[in-house]
Structures are given as structure tokens and as C-alpha cells.
Amino acid sequence: MYLTPEVKQQIFTDYGNGAADTGSAESQVALFTHRIKHLTEHLKQNKKDLSTKRSLINLVGKRRRMLDYLKQQDIERYRAIVKKLGIRK
């Protein structure tokens, strides 16, 4: 499995406010980004996997809504997470 509990904890530690911070917008966006990268690689090899393509589109939309929320609340946190993850906007 690509997303083990250890990988999740590492993502939350790197991008959140600690390992126990699983609900902050930054940690959620980082987790979504990790999953999006994995699904993108899968779709490069399996072009006809439509259910995965649909899941990827939904996940990108979730991340976009979360980033829009973060942009409304605190623009500096938004800029920091976009720069740290290398998300283009």
C-alpha cells in the first residue's frame, strides 16, 4: 500500500503543527497532494482506468476548495503551503 500510517504521520509532521495535527488545512492539503501525485503516476500507465480518473478529479477539487478556504482565512499560510508543496496556481 502506498499510504502507510508512517507516511501519513511524516506528512502531518512536515506540513502541520506536529504529528497530532491531522485536521489543519495545511496537513490536509499536503495529504491530498501526496495522493494526487500517486494517482497521476498510476494514470500515466493505465490510461483507460476511468474510476481512478474520476477519483483524481474529485481529489483535485477537494484540494482546490481547501486552498480557497485557506486563502480566505489567512493569505500568508496559503502562500507558504503553496510554495512548500510546489503547487502551481
Protein backbone atom coordinates (compact mmCIF):
# COMPACT_ATOMS: atom_id res chain seq x y z
CA MET A 1 0.00 0.00 0.00
CA TYR A 2 1.33 3.41 -0.91
CA LEU A 3 -0.05 5.34 2.09
CA THR A 4 1.09 3.63 5.27
CA PRO A 5 0.45 5.11 8.72
CA GLU A 6 4.13 6.04 8.93
CA VAL A 7 3.94 8.03 5.69
CA LYS A 8 0.81 9.82 6.92
CA GLN A 9 2.48 10.73 10.22
CA GLN A 10 5.51 12.04 8.33
CA ILE A 11 3.29 14.23 6.13
CA PHE A 12 1.44 15.59 9.18
CA THR A 13 4.72 16.26 10.97
CA ASP A 14 6.30 18.02 7.98
CA TYR A 15 3.37 20.19 6.95
CA GLY A 16 1.15 20.50 10.03
CA ASN A 17 1.85 21.79 13.50
CA GLY A 18 3.07 18.40 14.72
CA ALA A 19 2.30 14.71 14.36
CA ALA A 20 -1.03 15.02 16.18
CA ASP A 21 -2.20 17.87 13.93
CA THR A 22 -4.20 15.91 11.37
CA GLY A 23 -7.02 18.39 10.80
CA SER A 24 -5.28 21.63 9.88
CA ALA A 25 -5.74 22.88 6.34
CA GLU A 26 -2.02 22.64 5.60
CA SER A 27 -1.76 18.99 6.61
CA GLN A 28 -4.92 18.08 4.68
CA VAL A 29 -3.66 19.83 1.54
CA ALA A 30 -0.33 18.02 1.86
CA LEU A 31 -2.08 14.67 2.20
CA PHE A 32 -4.29 15.41 -0.82
CA THR A 33 -1.19 16.40 -2.81
CA HIS A 34 0.55 13.14 -1.94
CA ARG A 35 -2.50 11.15 -3.06
CA ILE A 36 -2.84 13.22 -6.26
CA LYS A 37 0.78 12.54 -7.21
CA HIS A 38 0.29 8.82 -6.66
CA LEU A 39 -2.91 8.68 -8.75
CA THR A 40 -1.30 10.74 -11.51
CA GLU A 41 1.55 8.24 -11.79
CA HIS A 42 -0.97 5.38 -11.87
CA LEU A 43 -2.93 7.03 -14.68
CA LYS A 44 0.19 7.54 -16.77
CA GLN A 45 0.50 3.76 -17.02
CA ASN A 46 -3.25 2.91 -17.01
CA LYS A 47 -4.86 5.41 -19.33
CA LYS A 48 -8.23 3.63 -19.51
CA ASP A 49 -8.81 3.44 -15.74
CA LEU A 50 -11.80 5.75 -15.64
CA SER A 51 -12.73 5.20 -11.99
CA THR A 52 -9.28 6.32 -10.89
CA LYS A 53 -9.51 9.30 -13.22
CA ARG A 54 -12.81 10.30 -11.61
CA SER A 55 -11.30 9.90 -8.14
CA LEU A 56 -8.35 12.06 -9.15
CA ILE A 57 -10.65 14.82 -10.43
CA ASN A 58 -12.65 14.74 -7.18
CA LEU A 59 -9.46 14.88 -5.11
CA VAL A 60 -8.13 17.85 -7.06
CA GLY A 61 -11.45 19.63 -6.45
CA LYS A 62 -11.26 18.92 -2.71
CA ARG A 63 -7.73 20.31 -2.57
CA ARG A 64 -8.79 23.38 -4.53
CA ARG A 65 -11.69 24.07 -2.15
CA MET A 66 -9.41 23.61 0.85
CA LEU A 67 -6.86 26.02 -0.64
CA ASP A 68 -9.61 28.55 -1.40
CA TYR A 69 -10.75 28.34 2.23
CA LEU A 70 -7.19 28.83 3.45
CA LYS A 71 -6.73 31.78 1.10
CA GLN A 72 -9.84 33.45 2.57
CA GLN A 73 -8.78 32.84 6.17
CA ASP A 74 -5.05 33.59 6.08
CA ILE A 75 -3.27 34.55 2.87
CA GLU A 76 0.21 34.07 4.38
CA ARG A 77 -0.48 30.46 5.36
CA TYR A 78 -1.88 29.89 1.87
CA ARG A 79 1.22 31.30 0.18
CA ALA A 80 3.52 29.29 2.45
CA ILE A 81 1.84 25.94 1.77
CA VAL A 82 1.61 26.55 -1.98
CA LYS A 83 5.30 27.40 -2.11
CA LYS A 84 6.31 24.49 0.13
CA LEU A 85 4.35 21.91 -1.90
CA GLY A 86 5.17 23.45 -5.27
CA ILE A 87 1.54 23.72 -6.32
CA ARG A 88 1.01 25.96 -9.32
CA LYS A 89 -1.85 28.42 -9.22
